[in-house]
């Protein structure tokens, strides 16, 4: 499942469980390629949120996003990890496995 997040729904959607959130922009080529990788995961049990960095500058500032794409991993609404740059589906899954133990 891939959920579009914004400054109005971000806290509500990420306050419980383990949530992977990608910060992206529409003009970023790496982000466009990243979306292809994420689409392959959309039917999995993994919850993925996406945030348009241009539309949500307060969230970008809050989480210290310096480049796109950037992923943050939240557990119970608290940031526990940050992954910067393009990641293949397998790279993302491998990184997430460390936090599922």
PDB file of N, CA and C in Angstrom:
ATOM      1  N   UNK A   1       0.837  -1.171   0.000  1.00  0.00           N
ATOM      2  CA  UNK A   1       0.000   0.000   0.000  1.00  0.00           C
ATOM      3  C   UNK A   1       0.885   1.239   0.000  1.00  0.00           C
ATOM      4  N   UNK A   2       0.562   2.170  -0.866  1.00  0.00           N
ATOM      5  CA  UNK A   2       1.280   3.448  -0.929  1.00  0.00           C
ATOM      6  C   UNK A   2       0.277   4.558  -0.649  1.00  0.00           C
ATOM      7  N   UNK A   3       0.558   5.358   0.374  1.00  0.00           N
ATOM      8  CA  UNK A   3      -0.322   6.441   0.798  1.00  0.00           C
ATOM      9  C   UNK A   3       0.323   7.795   0.525  1.00  0.00           C
ATOM     10  N   UNK A   4      -0.411   8.694  -0.080  1.00  0.00           N
ATOM     11  CA  UNK A   4       0.053  10.075  -0.280  1.00  0.00           C
ATOM     12  C   UNK A   4      -0.126  10.821   1.038  1.00  0.00           C
ATOM     13  N   UNK A   5       0.958  11.382   1.542  1.00  0.00           N
ATOM     14  CA  UNK A   5       0.922  12.113   2.811  1.00  0.00           C
ATOM     15  C   UNK A   5       1.163  13.588   2.565  1.00  0.00           C
ATOM     16  N   UNK A   6       0.627  14.400   3.487  1.00  0.00           N
ATOM     17  CA  UNK A   6       0.846  15.840   3.434  1.00  0.00           C
ATOM     18  C   UNK A   6       0.902  16.362   4.860  1.00  0.00           C
ATOM     19  N   UNK A   7       1.030  17.652   5.003  1.00  0.00           N
ATOM     20  CA  UNK A   7       1.175  18.223   6.340  1.00  0.00           C
ATOM     21  C   UNK A   7      -0.087  18.069   7.178  1.00  0.00           C
ATOM     22  N   UNK A   8      -1.229  17.843   6.544  1.00  0.00           N
ATOM     23  CA  UNK A   8      -2.480  17.676   7.285  1.00  0.00           C
ATOM     24  C   UNK A   8      -2.661  16.260   7.837  1.00  0.00           C
ATOM     25  N   UNK A   9      -2.190  15.241   7.110  1.00  0.00           N
ATOM     26  CA  UNK A   9      -2.470  13.868   7.539  1.00  0.00           C
ATOM     27  C   UNK A   9      -1.237  13.090   8.011  1.00  0.00           C
ATOM     28  N   UNK A  10      -0.054  13.677   7.922  1.00  0.00           N
ATOM     29  CA  UNK A  10       1.185  12.956   8.208  1.00  0.00           C
ATOM     30  C   UNK A  10       1.200  12.345   9.611  1.00  0.00           C
ATOM     31  N   UNK A  11       0.964  13.155  10.624  1.00  0.00           N
ATOM     32  CA  UNK A  11       1.055  12.649  12.003  1.00  0.00           C
ATOM     33  C   UNK A  11       0.030  11.568  12.278  1.00  0.00           C
ATOM     34  N   UNK A  12      -1.183  11.752  11.817  1.00  0.00           N
ATOM     35  CA  UNK A  12      -2.239  10.767  12.033  1.00  0.00           C
ATOM     36  C   UNK A  12      -1.881   9.426  11.376  1.00  0.00           C
ATOM     37  N   UNK A  13      -1.366   9.488  10.158  1.00  0.00           N
ATOM     38  CA  UNK A  13      -1.071   8.269   9.398  1.00  0.00           C
ATOM     39  C   UNK A  13       0.173   7.535   9.893  1.00  0.00           C
ATOM     40  N   UNK A  14       1.087   8.233  10.535  1.00  0.00           N
ATOM     41  CA  UNK A  14       2.363   7.614  10.925  1.00  0.00           C
ATOM     42  C   UNK A  14       2.512   7.403  12.428  1.00  0.00           C
ATOM     43  N   UNK A  15       1.484   7.642  13.195  1.00  0.00           N
ATOM     44  CA  UNK A  15       1.636   7.621  14.658  1.00  0.00           C
ATOM     45  C   UNK A  15       1.722   6.218  15.260  1.00  0.00           C
ATOM     46  N   UNK A  16       1.344   5.195  14.529  1.00  0.00           N
ATOM     47  CA  UNK A  16       1.417   3.849  15.092  1.00  0.00           C
ATOM     48  C   UNK A  16       2.039   2.886  14.088  1.00  0.00           C
ATOM     49  N   UNK A  17       2.690   1.878  14.623  1.00  0.00           N
ATOM     50  CA  UNK A  17       3.298   0.856  13.789  1.00  0.00           C
ATOM     51  C   UNK A  17       4.609   1.295  13.175  1.00  0.00           C
ATOM     52  N   UNK A  18       5.085   0.466  12.244  1.00  0.00           N
ATOM     53  CA  UNK A  18       6.326   0.726  11.520  1.00  0.00           C
ATOM     54  C   UNK A  18       5.949   1.270  10.152  1.00  0.00           C
ATOM     55  N   UNK A  19       6.418   2.469   9.829  1.00  0.00           N
ATOM     56  CA  UNK A  19       6.026   3.145   8.593  1.00  0.00           C
ATOM     57  C   UNK A  19       7.263   3.615   7.832  1.00  0.00           C
ATOM     58  N   UNK A  20       7.298   3.310   6.542  1.00  0.00           N
ATOM     59  CA  UNK A  20       8.353   3.774   5.661  1.00  0.00           C
ATOM     60  C   UNK A  20       7.808   4.944   4.854  1.00  0.00           C
ATOM     61  N   UNK A  21       8.501   6.077   4.900  1.00  0.00           N
ATOM     62  CA  UNK A  21       8.031   7.281   4.211  1.00  0.00           C
ATOM     63  C   UNK A  21       9.123   7.776   3.268  1.00  0.00           C
ATOM     64  N   UNK A  22       8.735   7.996   2.011  1.00  0.00           N
ATOM     65  CA  UNK A  22       9.663   8.546   1.027  1.00  0.00           C
ATOM     66  C   UNK A  22       9.340  10.019   0.803  1.00  0.00           C
ATOM     67  N   UNK A  23      10.361  10.863   0.889  1.00  0.00           N
ATOM     68  CA  UNK A  23      10.254  12.267   0.508  1.00  0.00           C
ATOM     69  C   UNK A  23      10.782  12.366  -0.916  1.00  0.00           C
ATOM     70  N   UNK A  24       9.995  12.948  -1.806  1.00  0.00           N
ATOM     71  CA  UNK A  24      10.348  13.031  -3.217  1.00  0.00           C
ATOM     72  C   UNK A  24       9.962  14.398  -3.766  1.00  0.00           C
ATOM     73  N   UNK A  25      10.371  14.658  -5.003  1.00  0.00           N
ATOM     74  CA  UNK A  25       9.874  15.816  -5.741  1.00  0.00           C
ATOM     75  C   UNK A  25       9.498  15.340  -7.146  1.00  0.00           C
ATOM     76  N   UNK A  26       8.636  16.078  -7.798  1.00  0.00           N
ATOM     77  CA  UNK A  26       8.187  15.689  -9.134  1.00  0.00           C
ATOM     78  C   UNK A  26       9.253  15.938 -10.195  1.00  0.00           C
ATOM     79  N   UNK A  27      10.216  16.811  -9.915  1.00  0.00           N
ATOM     80  CA  UNK A  27      11.246  17.153 -10.893  1.00  0.00           C
ATOM     81  C   UNK A  27      12.505  16.302 -10.778  1.00  0.00           C
ATOM     82  N   UNK A  28      12.573  15.445  -9.800  1.00  0.00           N
ATOM     83  CA  UNK A  28      13.763  14.634  -9.526  1.00  0.00           C
ATOM     84  C   UNK A  28      13.730  13.323 -10.329  1.00  0.00           C
ATOM     85  N   UNK A  29      14.716  13.103 -11.182  1.00  0.00           N
ATOM     86  CA  UNK A  29      14.763  11.885 -11.996  1.00  0.00           C
ATOM     87  C   UNK A  29      14.972  10.644 -11.127  1.00  0.00           C
ATOM     88  N   UNK A  30      15.804  10.754 -10.082  1.00  0.00           N
ATOM     89  CA  UNK A  30      15.994   9.615  -9.189  1.00  0.00           C
ATOM     90  C   UNK A  30      14.677   9.246  -8.506  1.00  0.00           C
ATOM     91  N   UNK A  31      13.886  10.254  -8.179  1.00  0.00           N
ATOM     92  CA  UNK A  31      12.581  10.014  -7.547  1.00  0.00           C
ATOM     93  C   UNK A  31      11.638   9.290  -8.504  1.00  0.00           C
ATOM     94  N   UNK A  32      11.686   9.657  -9.771  1.00  0.00           N
ATOM     95  CA  UNK A  32      10.838   8.981 -10.764  1.00  0.00           C
ATOM     96  C   UNK A  32      11.230   7.515 -10.885  1.00  0.00           C
ATOM     97  N   UNK A  33      12.524   7.241 -10.882  1.00  0.00           N
ATOM     98  CA  UNK A  33      12.980   5.855 -10.917  1.00  0.00           C
ATOM     99  C   UNK A  33      12.645   5.124  -9.623  1.00  0.00           C
ATOM    100  N   UNK A  34      12.710   5.846  -8.507  1.00  0.00           N
ATOM    101  CA  UNK A  34      12.372   5.248  -7.218  1.00  0.00           C
ATOM    102  C   UNK A  34      10.909   4.831  -7.189  1.00  0.00           C
ATOM    103  N   UNK A  35      10.050   5.608  -7.800  1.00  0.00           N
ATOM    104  CA  UNK A  35       8.626   5.288  -7.815  1.00  0.00           C
ATOM    105  C   UNK A  35       8.368   3.943  -8.492  1.00  0.00           C
ATOM    106  N   UNK A  36       9.147   3.627  -9.531  1.00  0.00           N
ATOM    107  CA  UNK A  36       9.016   2.330 -10.205  1.00  0.00           C
ATOM    108  C   UNK A  36       9.309   1.203  -9.216  1.00  0.00           C
ATOM    109  N   UNK A  37      10.358   1.379  -8.418  1.00  0.00           N
ATOM    110  CA  UNK A  37      10.708   0.369  -7.407  1.00  0.00           C
ATOM    111  C   UNK A  37       9.615   0.257  -6.345  1.00  0.00           C
ATOM    112  N   UNK A  38       9.086   1.393  -5.908  1.00  0.00           N
ATOM    113  CA  UNK A  38       8.036   1.376  -4.882  1.00  0.00           C
ATOM    114  C   UNK A  38       6.753   0.734  -5.389  1.00  0.00           C
ATOM    115  N   UNK A  39       6.436   0.960  -6.652  1.00  0.00           N
ATOM    116  CA  UNK A  39       5.222   0.374  -7.227  1.00  0.00           C
ATOM    117  C   UNK A  39       5.255  -1.148  -7.149  1.00  0.00           C
ATOM    118  N   UNK A  40       6.449  -1.734  -7.201  1.00  0.00           N
ATOM    119  CA  UNK A  40       6.569  -3.183  -7.088  1.00  0.00           C
ATOM    120  C   UNK A  40       6.258  -3.680  -5.676  1.00  0.00           C
ATOM    121  N   UNK A  41       6.278  -2.774  -4.711  1.00  0.00           N
ATOM    122  CA  UNK A  41       5.994  -3.137  -3.321  1.00  0.00           C
ATOM    123  C   UNK A  41       4.577  -2.788  -2.885  1.00  0.00           C
ATOM    124  N   UNK A  42       3.817  -2.115  -3.729  1.00  0.00           N
ATOM    125  CA  UNK A  42       2.525  -1.574  -3.295  1.00  0.00           C
ATOM    126  C   UNK A  42       1.508  -2.648  -2.915  1.00  0.00           C
ATOM    127  N   UNK A  43       1.648  -3.850  -3.441  1.00  0.00           N
ATOM    128  CA  UNK A  43       0.709  -4.911  -3.105  1.00  0.00           C
ATOM    129  C   UNK A  43       1.188  -5.768  -1.944  1.00  0.00           C
ATOM    130  N   UNK A  44       2.308  -5.404  -1.358  1.00  0.00           N
ATOM    131  CA  UNK A  44       2.839  -6.157  -0.223  1.00  0.00           C
ATOM    132  C   UNK A  44       2.156  -5.691   1.064  1.00  0.00           C
ATOM    133  N   UNK A  45       2.532  -6.298   2.154  1.00  0.00           N
ATOM    134  CA  UNK A  45       2.003  -5.916   3.470  1.00  0.00           C
ATOM    135  C   UNK A  45       2.675  -4.662   4.015  1.00  0.00           C
ATOM    136  N   UNK A  46       3.720  -4.195   3.329  1.00  0.00           N
ATOM    137  CA  UNK A  46       4.464  -3.029   3.799  1.00  0.00           C
ATOM    138  C   UNK A  46       3.671  -1.739   3.575  1.00  0.00           C
ATOM    139  N   UNK A  47       3.615  -0.904   4.610  1.00  0.00           N
ATOM    140  CA  UNK A  47       2.969   0.407   4.499  1.00  0.00           C
ATOM    141  C   UNK A  47       4.030   1.403   4.055  1.00  0.00           C
ATOM    142  N   UNK A  48       3.752   2.091   2.949  1.00  0.00           N
ATOM    143  CA  UNK A  48       4.676   3.084   2.413  1.00  0.00           C
ATOM    144  C   UNK A  48       3.930   4.400   2.242  1.00  0.00           C
ATOM    145  N   UNK A  49       4.494   5.454   2.779  1.00  0.00           N
ATOM    146  CA  UNK A  49       3.939   6.788   2.588  1.00  0.00           C
ATOM    147  C   UNK A  49       4.853   7.586   1.683  1.00  0.00           C
ATOM    148  N   UNK A  50       4.276   8.492   0.912  1.00  0.00           N
ATOM    149  CA  UNK A  50       5.076   9.356   0.048  1.00  0.00           C
ATOM    150  C   UNK A  50       4.711  10.814   0.320  1.00  0.00           C
ATOM    151  N   UNK A  51       5.731  11.646   0.368  1.00  0.00           N
ATOM    152  CA  UNK A  51       5.557  13.063   0.674  1.00  0.00           C
ATOM    153  C   UNK A  51       6.220  13.885  -0.419  1.00  0.00           C
ATOM    154  N   UNK A  52       5.460  14.749  -1.077  1.00  0.00           N
ATOM    155  CA  UNK A  52       6.013  15.669  -2.068  1.00  0.00           C
ATOM    156  C   UNK A  52       6.736  16.787  -1.313  1.00  0.00           C
ATOM    157  N   UNK A  53       8.058  16.798  -1.414  1.00  0.00           N
ATOM    158  CA  UNK A  53       8.858  17.772  -0.677  1.00  0.00           C
ATOM    159  C   UNK A  53       8.563  19.209  -1.029  1.00  0.00           C
ATOM    160  N   UNK A  54       8.175  19.471  -2.280  1.00  0.00           N
ATOM    161  CA  UNK A  54       7.847  20.838  -2.678  1.00  0.00           C
ATOM    162  C   UNK A  54       6.533  21.306  -2.069  1.00  0.00           C
ATOM    163  N   UNK A  55       5.626  20.376  -1.834  1.00  0.00           N
ATOM    164  CA  UNK A  55       4.308  20.714  -1.287  1.00  0.00           C
ATOM    165  C   UNK A  55       4.284  20.724   0.244  1.00  0.00           C
ATOM    166  N   UNK A  56       5.301  20.143   0.863  1.00  0.00           N
ATOM    167  CA  UNK A  56       5.307  19.996   2.327  1.00  0.00           C
ATOM    168  C   UNK A  56       6.622  20.479   2.933  1.00  0.00           C
ATOM    169  N   UNK A  57       6.945  21.759   2.784  1.00  0.00           N
ATOM    170  CA  UNK A  57       8.239  22.253   3.278  1.00  0.00           C
ATOM    171  C   UNK A  57       8.413  22.120   4.786  1.00  0.00           C
ATOM    172  N   UNK A  58       7.340  22.171   5.551  1.00  0.00           N
ATOM    173  CA  UNK A  58       7.459  22.036   6.999  1.00  0.00           C
ATOM    174  C   UNK A  58       7.890  20.624   7.398  1.00  0.00           C
ATOM    175  N   UNK A  59       7.394  19.610   6.691  1.00  0.00           N
ATOM    176  CA  UNK A  59       7.819  18.238   6.963  1.00  0.00           C
ATOM    177  C   UNK A  59       9.266  18.020   6.532  1.00  0.00           C
ATOM    178  N   UNK A  60       9.647  18.606   5.405  1.00  0.00           N
ATOM    179  CA  UNK A  60      11.031  18.522   4.931  1.00  0.00           C
ATOM    180  C   UNK A  60      11.965  19.104   5.997  1.00  0.00           C
ATOM    181  N   UNK A  61      11.611  20.257   6.540  1.00  0.00           N
ATOM    182  CA  UNK A  61      12.431  20.895   7.575  1.00  0.00           C
ATOM    183  C   UNK A  61      12.436  20.071   8.861  1.00  0.00           C
ATOM    184  N   UNK A  62      11.281  19.584   9.272  1.00  0.00           N
ATOM    185  CA  UNK A  62      11.164  18.826  10.523  1.00  0.00           C
ATOM    186  C   UNK A  62      12.057  17.588  10.521  1.00  0.00           C
ATOM    187  N   UNK A  63      12.130  16.902   9.383  1.00  0.00           N
ATOM    188  CA  UNK A  63      12.902  15.665   9.304  1.00  0.00           C
ATOM    189  C   UNK A  63      14.286  15.847   8.701  1.00  0.00           C
ATOM    190  N   UNK A  64      14.697  17.095   8.476  1.00  0.00           N
ATOM    191  CA  UNK A  64      16.053  17.387   8.016  1.00  0.00           C
ATOM    192  C   UNK A  64      16.377  16.813   6.651  1.00  0.00           C
ATOM    193  N   UNK A  65      15.412  16.849   5.754  1.00  0.00           N
ATOM    194  CA  UNK A  65      15.605  16.305   4.416  1.00  0.00           C
ATOM    195  C   UNK A  65      16.455  17.291   3.604  1.00  0.00           C
ATOM    196  N   UNK A  66      17.584  16.809   3.099  1.00  0.00           N
ATOM    197  CA  UNK A  66      18.509  17.657   2.347  1.00  0.00           C
ATOM    198  C   UNK A  66      18.522  17.335   0.857  1.00  0.00           C
ATOM    199  N   UNK A  67      18.057  16.151   0.471  1.00  0.00           N
ATOM    200  CA  UNK A  67      18.052  15.740  -0.923  1.00  0.00           C
ATOM    201  C   UNK A  67      16.939  14.742  -1.171  1.00  0.00           C
ATOM    202  N   UNK A  68      16.705  14.455  -2.424  1.00  0.00           N
ATOM    203  CA  UNK A  68      15.599  13.581  -2.802  1.00  0.00           C
ATOM    204  C   UNK A  68      16.107  12.492  -3.739  1.00  0.00           C
ATOM    205  N   UNK A  69      15.585  11.290  -3.629  1.00  0.00           N
ATOM    206  CA  UNK A  69      14.645  10.817  -2.627  1.00  0.00           C
ATOM    207  C   UNK A  69      15.352  10.539  -1.298  1.00  0.00           C
ATOM    208  N   UNK A  70      14.620  10.702  -0.223  1.00  0.00           N
ATOM    209  CA  UNK A  70      15.076  10.330   1.113  1.00  0.00           C
ATOM    210  C   UNK A  70      13.951   9.569   1.789  1.00  0.00           C
ATOM    211  N   UNK A  71      14.313   8.476   2.425  1.00  0.00           N
ATOM    212  CA  UNK A  71      13.355   7.676   3.181  1.00  0.00           C
ATOM    213  C   UNK A  71      13.589   7.879   4.666  1.00  0.00           C
ATOM    214  N   UNK A  72      12.511   7.924   5.414  1.00  0.00           N
ATOM    215  CA  UNK A  72      12.619   7.837   6.863  1.00  0.00           C
ATOM    216  C   UNK A  72      11.776   6.651   7.307  1.00  0.00           C
ATOM    217  N   UNK A  73      12.234   5.984   8.339  1.00  0.00           N
ATOM    218  CA  UNK A  73      11.500   4.873   8.919  1.00  0.00           C
ATOM    219  C   UNK A  73      11.018   5.327  10.287  1.00  0.00           C
ATOM    220  N   UNK A  74       9.729   5.228  10.492  1.00  0.00           N
ATOM    221  CA  UNK A  74       9.115   5.663  11.744  1.00  0.00           C
ATOM    222  C   UNK A  74       8.550   4.461  12.489  1.00  0.00           C
ATOM    223  N   UNK A  75       8.720   4.472  13.785  1.00  0.00           N
ATOM    224  CA  UNK A  75       8.111   3.455  14.643  1.00  0.00           C
ATOM    225  C   UNK A  75       7.351   4.192  15.729  1.00  0.00           C
ATOM    226  N   UNK A  76       6.046   3.968  15.760  1.00  0.00           N
ATOM    227  CA  UNK A  76       5.166   4.664  16.700  1.00  0.00           C
ATOM    228  C   UNK A  76       5.317   6.185  16.556  1.00  0.00           C
ATOM    229  N   UNK A  77       5.540   6.658  15.337  1.00  0.00           N
ATOM    230  CA  UNK A  77       5.634   8.085  15.061  1.00  0.00           C
ATOM    231  C   UNK A  77       6.999   8.707  15.280  1.00  0.00           C
ATOM    232  N   UNK A  78       7.963   7.919  15.766  1.00  0.00           N
ATOM    233  CA  UNK A  78       9.310   8.429  16.026  1.00  0.00           C
ATOM    234  C   UNK A  78      10.266   7.940  14.952  1.00  0.00           C
ATOM    235  N   UNK A  79      11.112   8.826  14.444  1.00  0.00           N
ATOM    236  CA  UNK A  79      12.082   8.448  13.419  1.00  0.00           C
ATOM    237  C   UNK A  79      13.147   7.542  14.015  1.00  0.00           C
ATOM    238  N   UNK A  80      13.328   6.377  13.382  1.00  0.00           N
ATOM    239  CA  UNK A  80      14.349   5.441  13.856  1.00  0.00           C
ATOM    240  C   UNK A  80      15.448   5.217  12.820  1.00  0.00           C
ATOM    241  N   UNK A  81      15.218   5.650  11.570  1.00  0.00           N
ATOM    242  CA  UNK A  81      16.239   5.474  10.535  1.00  0.00           C
ATOM    243  C   UNK A  81      15.984   6.439   9.388  1.00  0.00           C
ATOM    244  N   UNK A  82      17.046   6.690   8.627  1.00  0.00           N
ATOM    245  CA  UNK A  82      16.972   7.554   7.447  1.00  0.00           C
ATOM    246  C   UNK A  82      17.844   6.940   6.364  1.00  0.00           C
ATOM    247  N   UNK A  83      17.309   6.804   5.156  1.00  0.00           N
ATOM    248  CA  UNK A  83      18.028   6.263   4.009  1.00  0.00           C
ATOM    249  C   UNK A  83      17.992   7.314   2.912  1.00  0.00           C
ATOM    250  N   UNK A  84      19.140   7.774   2.474  1.00  0.00           N
ATOM    251  CA  UNK A  84      19.217   8.844   1.486  1.00  0.00           C
ATOM    252  C   UNK A  84      19.568   8.269   0.117  1.00  0.00           C
ATOM    253  N   UNK A  85      18.889   8.755  -0.917  1.00  0.00           N
ATOM    254  CA  UNK A  85      19.202   8.372  -2.282  1.00  0.00           C
ATOM    255  C   UNK A  85      18.325   7.253  -2.812  1.00  0.00           C
ATOM    256  N   UNK A  86      18.562   6.921  -4.072  1.00  0.00           N
ATOM    257  CA  UNK A  86      17.816   5.872  -4.759  1.00  0.00           C
ATOM    258  C   UNK A  86      18.166   4.503  -4.180  1.00  0.00           C
ATOM    259  N   UNK A  87      17.149   3.664  -3.984  1.00  0.00           N
ATOM    260  CA  UNK A  87      17.338   2.295  -3.497  1.00  0.00           C
ATOM    261  C   UNK A  87      16.485   1.355  -4.339  1.00  0.00           C
ATOM    262  N   UNK A  88      17.069   0.234  -4.724  1.00  0.00           N
ATOM    263  CA  UNK A  88      16.277  -0.778  -5.408  1.00  0.00           C
ATOM    264  C   UNK A  88      15.330  -1.414  -4.394  1.00  0.00           C
ATOM    265  N   UNK A  89      14.380  -2.140  -4.899  1.00  0.00           N
ATOM    266  CA  UNK A  89      13.425  -2.831  -4.029  1.00  0.00           C
ATOM    267  C   UNK A  89      14.166  -3.743  -3.055  1.00  0.00           C
ATOM    268  N   UNK A  90      15.130  -4.518  -3.541  1.00  0.00           N
ATOM    269  CA  UNK A  90      15.850  -5.440  -2.662  1.00  0.00           C
ATOM    270  C   UNK A  90      16.699  -4.697  -1.629  1.00  0.00           C
ATOM    271  N   UNK A  91      17.294  -3.566  -2.017  1.00  0.00           N
ATOM    272  CA  UNK A  91      18.066  -2.778  -1.048  1.00  0.00           C
ATOM    273  C   UNK A  91      17.161  -2.259   0.069  1.00  0.00           C
ATOM    274  N   UNK A  92      15.987  -1.768  -0.293  1.00  0.00           N
ATOM    275  CA  UNK A  92      15.043  -1.290   0.722  1.00  0.00           C
ATOM    276  C   UNK A  92      14.633  -2.418   1.660  1.00  0.00           C
ATOM    277  N   UNK A  93      14.284  -3.560   1.094  1.00  0.00           N
ATOM    278  CA  UNK A  93      13.852  -4.688   1.923  1.00  0.00           C
ATOM    279  C   UNK A  93      14.967  -5.144   2.850  1.00  0.00           C
ATOM    280  N   UNK A  94      16.198  -5.170   2.361  1.00  0.00           N
ATOM    281  CA  UNK A  94      17.329  -5.558   3.206  1.00  0.00           C
ATOM    282  C   UNK A  94      17.518  -4.579   4.355  1.00  0.00           C
ATOM    283  N   UNK A  95      17.417  -3.291   4.083  1.00  0.00           N
ATOM    284  CA  UNK A  95      17.559  -2.288   5.154  1.00  0.00           C
ATOM    285  C   UNK A  95      16.450  -2.440   6.191  1.00  0.00           C
ATOM    286  N   UNK A  96      15.238  -2.691   5.715  1.00  0.00           N
ATOM    287  CA  UNK A  96      14.104  -2.808   6.627  1.00  0.00           C
ATOM    288  C   UNK A  96      14.204  -4.051   7.513  1.00  0.00           C
ATOM    289  N   UNK A  97      14.811  -5.098   7.016  1.00  0.00           N
ATOM    290  CA  UNK A  97      14.926  -6.335   7.802  1.00  0.00           C
ATOM    291  C   UNK A  97      15.637  -6.093   9.126  1.00  0.00           C
ATOM    292  N   UNK A  98      16.603  -5.178   9.155  1.00  0.00           N
ATOM    293  CA  UNK A  98      17.321  -4.872  10.389  1.00  0.00           C
ATOM    294  C   UNK A  98      16.388  -4.350  11.476  1.00  0.00           C
ATOM    295  N   UNK A  99      15.283  -3.732  11.076  1.00  0.00           N
ATOM    296  CA  UNK A  99      14.376  -3.106  12.044  1.00  0.00           C
ATOM    297  C   UNK A  99      13.175  -3.992  12.378  1.00  0.00           C
ATOM    298  N   UNK A 100      13.062  -5.121  11.722  1.00  0.00           N
ATOM    299  CA  UNK A 100      11.946  -6.027  11.986  1.00  0.00           C
ATOM    300  C   UNK A 100      12.290  -7.103  12.991  1.00  0.00           C
ATOM    301  N   UNK A 101      13.533  -7.135  13.435  1.00  0.00           N
ATOM    302  CA  UNK A 101      13.982  -8.160  14.382  1.00  0.00           C
ATOM    303  C   UNK A 101      13.518  -7.864  15.777  1.00  0.00           C
TER     304      UNK A 101
END
